[in-house]
Amino acid sequence: MASRAAKRKTNRDDQLMTTYLSGLRIRFEPVLRRGFHLYWRFARGMTLGVRGVVLDAENRVFLVRHGYVSGWHLPGGGVEVGETFMEALTRELFEEGRIRLSGEPELHGIFLNSHVSPRDHVAVFVIKRFTQDRPPEPNHEIAETGFFALDALPEGTTLGTLSRLREVLDGVKVIPTWRPEPRVEAGAL
């Protein structure tokens, strides 16, 4: 009896800590993002990233929710010094989704991510041939992952992710930036 009560208290404490940390992340995310990119600006000059539009046999897309940034994203990350796009993509897909390529990814495009920094560029690949031995365990970086039907994407799917999915799957015209620029209505200037 006592161990069950202790377990409930531990679970409740874990939930409270997760809620508290999530609140801190949301509050400090913009400041942390700017700090990291200021560092990268001087340390790297220009940043390169990769993302994968991973589609399973049912045409569901694999998305990732990070513990340190809000929203659901395509899996991917930074290209390290001396690393090719393909090496970075292979590494990031396995780290974030336990996904291994079993066929050649198709380059969808390279996009300026000026929302992050005017020096940040992201290469997006479409992946249809892969294996996944099991879903990844949540950790300090990856809070949640999953394959989602296109008509049932999770709330909080980012604008950049939605734009890439529309381009790849709906044939919407490819834009050169990660996120669409806000439209200026006639007479607003």
Protein backbone atom coordinates (compact mmCIF):
# COMPACT_ATOMS: atom_id res chain seq x y z
CA MET A 1 0.00 0.00 0.00
CA ALA A 2 2.70 2.45 1.01
CA SER A 3 4.73 1.78 -2.13
CA ARG A 4 1.71 2.46 -4.36
CA ALA A 5 1.11 5.79 -2.60
CA ALA A 6 4.79 6.66 -2.93
CA LYS A 7 4.66 5.82 -6.64
CA ARG A 8 1.60 8.08 -7.13
CA LYS A 9 3.40 10.90 -5.29
CA THR A 10 6.49 10.39 -7.49
CA ASN A 11 4.36 10.46 -10.65
CA ARG A 12 2.58 13.62 -9.43
CA ASP A 13 5.95 15.22 -8.60
CA ASP A 14 7.24 14.28 -12.07
CA GLN A 15 4.17 15.85 -13.68
CA LEU A 16 4.59 19.04 -11.66
CA MET A 17 8.28 19.24 -12.59
CA THR A 18 7.47 18.67 -16.28
CA THR A 19 4.83 21.42 -16.18
CA TYR A 20 7.25 23.78 -14.40
CA LEU A 21 10.09 23.09 -16.87
CA SER A 22 7.72 23.49 -19.82
CA GLY A 23 6.69 26.90 -18.48
CA LEU A 24 10.34 27.94 -18.11
CA ARG A 25 11.11 26.74 -21.63
CA ILE A 26 8.25 28.76 -23.11
CA ARG A 27 9.24 31.86 -21.13
CA PHE A 28 12.97 31.76 -21.92
CA GLU A 29 12.96 30.12 -25.38
CA PRO A 30 13.22 33.39 -27.38
CA VAL A 31 16.15 34.62 -25.26
CA LEU A 32 17.96 31.27 -25.44
CA ARG A 33 17.43 31.03 -29.20
CA ARG A 34 18.93 34.51 -29.71
CA GLY A 35 21.85 33.64 -27.44
CA PHE A 36 22.64 30.43 -29.31
CA HIS A 37 22.45 32.16 -32.67
CA LEU A 38 24.63 35.03 -31.50
CA TYR A 39 27.23 32.44 -30.49
CA TRP A 40 26.84 30.59 -33.82
CA ARG A 41 27.16 33.87 -35.71
CA PHE A 42 30.68 34.38 -34.42
CA ALA A 43 31.69 30.73 -34.10
CA ARG A 44 30.42 29.49 -37.45
CA GLY A 45 29.59 32.43 -39.69
CA MET A 46 26.71 30.70 -41.44
CA THR A 47 24.66 27.81 -40.13
CA LEU A 48 23.40 24.89 -42.18
CA GLY A 49 20.73 22.44 -41.18
CA VAL A 50 18.92 19.43 -42.56
CA ARG A 51 15.32 18.27 -42.17
CA GLY A 52 13.58 15.19 -43.43
CA VAL A 53 10.03 14.76 -44.70
CA VAL A 54 9.79 11.09 -43.66
CA LEU A 55 6.71 9.40 -45.15
CA ASP A 56 5.66 5.87 -44.26
CA ALA A 57 3.76 3.38 -46.46
CA GLU A 58 0.45 4.97 -45.34
CA ASN A 59 1.73 8.43 -46.34
CA ARG A 60 1.90 9.54 -42.71
CA VAL A 61 4.64 12.01 -41.82
CA PHE A 62 7.09 11.58 -38.94
CA LEU A 63 7.22 14.61 -36.62
CA VAL A 64 9.23 15.48 -33.52
CA ARG A 65 8.39 17.61 -30.50
CA HIS A 66 11.55 18.83 -28.78
CA GLY A 67 11.91 19.53 -25.09
CA TYR A 68 13.68 22.84 -25.68
CA VAL A 69 11.59 24.50 -28.42
CA SER A 70 7.84 24.63 -28.89
CA GLY A 71 5.90 22.97 -31.69
CA TRP A 72 6.05 19.86 -33.84
CA HIS A 73 8.87 19.78 -36.40
CA LEU A 74 10.28 17.70 -39.19
CA PRO A 75 13.21 15.69 -37.79
CA GLY A 76 16.64 17.18 -38.35
CA GLY A 77 19.31 19.46 -37.01
CA GLY A 78 22.60 21.17 -37.69
CA VAL A 79 25.28 20.13 -40.15
CA GLU A 80 28.56 19.87 -38.25
CA VAL A 81 31.89 21.15 -39.58
CA GLY A 82 33.31 18.57 -42.01
CA GLU A 83 29.97 16.78 -42.35
CA THR A 84 27.96 16.41 -45.57
CA PHE A 85 24.22 17.04 -45.76
CA MET A 86 23.67 13.29 -46.15
CA GLU A 87 25.83 12.44 -43.12
CA ALA A 88 23.98 15.02 -41.02
CA LEU A 89 20.58 13.78 -42.22
CA THR A 90 21.50 10.16 -41.47
CA ARG A 91 22.75 11.09 -37.98
CA GLU A 92 19.79 13.33 -37.11
CA LEU A 93 17.14 10.86 -38.32
CA PHE A 94 18.60 8.15 -36.14
CA GLU A 95 19.10 10.42 -33.10
CA GLU A 96 15.57 11.82 -33.24
CA GLY A 97 13.58 8.91 -34.61
CA ARG A 98 15.70 5.73 -34.73
CA ILE A 99 15.17 5.97 -38.48
CA ARG A 100 17.72 4.44 -40.84
CA LEU A 101 17.74 5.24 -44.54
CA SER A 102 17.25 2.24 -46.84
CA GLY A 103 17.05 4.27 -50.04
CA GLU A 104 18.32 7.52 -51.47
CA PRO A 105 16.55 10.62 -50.10
CA GLU A 106 15.36 13.19 -52.62
CA LEU A 107 16.46 16.80 -52.13
CA HIS A 108 13.34 18.96 -51.96
CA GLY A 109 15.07 22.31 -51.57
CA ILE A 110 17.35 24.59 -49.56
CA PHE A 111 15.60 27.34 -47.62
CA LEU A 112 16.67 30.54 -45.89
CA ASN A 113 15.46 30.41 -42.29
CA SER A 114 15.56 34.15 -41.58
CA HIS A 115 13.20 33.69 -38.62
CA VAL A 116 16.15 32.11 -36.80
CA SER A 117 18.98 34.12 -38.36
CA PRO A 118 19.74 35.74 -41.72
CA ARG A 119 22.65 33.28 -41.89
CA ASP A 120 20.67 30.05 -41.38
CA HIS A 121 19.88 27.71 -44.28
CA VAL A 122 18.04 24.39 -44.16
CA ALA A 123 18.21 21.57 -46.73
CA VAL A 124 15.03 19.48 -46.84
CA PHE A 125 14.99 15.90 -48.09
CA VAL A 126 12.04 13.62 -48.82
CA ILE A 127 12.47 10.11 -47.41
CA LYS A 128 10.19 7.26 -48.44
CA ARG A 129 12.50 4.28 -47.96
CA PHE A 130 13.63 3.74 -44.38
CA THR A 131 13.46 1.40 -41.41
CA GLN A 132 12.63 2.12 -37.79
CA ASP A 133 13.34 -0.71 -35.35
CA ARG A 134 11.26 0.93 -32.62
CA PRO A 135 10.00 4.36 -31.62
CA PRO A 136 12.59 6.42 -29.73
CA GLU A 137 12.38 6.79 -25.97
CA PRO A 138 11.65 10.35 -24.78
CA ASN A 139 14.77 12.07 -23.45
CA HIS A 140 16.12 15.54 -22.58
CA GLU A 141 16.05 16.57 -26.26
CA ILE A 142 13.09 14.67 -27.72
CA ALA A 143 9.84 14.94 -25.75
CA GLU A 144 7.59 13.12 -28.21
CA THR A 145 7.57 11.67 -31.75
CA GLY A 146 5.09 10.03 -34.05
CA PHE A 147 3.77 9.34 -37.51
CA PHE A 148 0.73 11.47 -38.31
CA ALA A 149 -1.86 11.39 -41.06
CA LEU A 150 -1.82 14.62 -43.01
CA ASP A 151 -5.41 15.38 -42.04
CA ALA A 152 -4.61 14.76 -38.36
CA LEU A 153 -1.38 16.68 -37.72
CA PRO A 154 -0.83 17.55 -34.06
CA GLU A 155 -1.74 20.95 -32.72
CA GLY A 156 1.34 23.15 -32.74
CA THR A 157 2.80 21.84 -36.01
CA THR A 158 5.08 24.70 -37.03
CA LEU A 159 4.44 26.99 -39.98
CA GLY A 160 7.70 25.96 -41.67
CA THR A 161 6.78 22.28 -41.32
CA LEU A 162 3.31 22.90 -42.75
CA SER A 163 4.81 24.84 -45.67
CA ARG A 164 7.21 22.00 -46.56
CA LEU A 165 4.43 19.40 -46.33
CA ARG A 166 2.17 21.44 -48.64
CA GLU A 167 4.99 21.78 -51.16
CA VAL A 168 5.96 18.10 -51.08
CA LEU A 169 2.51 16.55 -50.88
CA ASP A 170 0.09 19.08 -52.37
CA GLY A 171 2.30 20.52 -55.10
CA VAL A 172 2.13 24.04 -53.67
CA LYS A 173 4.76 26.33 -55.21
CA VAL A 174 8.11 26.12 -53.38
CA ILE A 175 9.09 29.34 -51.62
CA PRO A 176 12.76 30.19 -50.89
CA THR A 177 12.24 30.89 -47.18
CA TRP A 178 11.56 28.45 -44.37
CA ARG A 179 8.36 30.24 -43.36
CA PRO A 180 6.08 32.25 -45.60
CA GLU A 181 6.57 35.97 -45.19
CA PRO A 182 3.55 37.72 -43.66
CA ARG A 183 1.31 39.19 -46.33
CA VAL A 184 0.76 42.92 -46.34
CA GLU A 185 -2.87 43.75 -47.02
CA ALA A 186 -3.69 46.47 -49.55
CA GLY A 187 -3.86 49.85 -47.87
CA ALA A 188 -1.96 48.65 -44.80
CA LEU A 189 1.15 50.66 -45.64
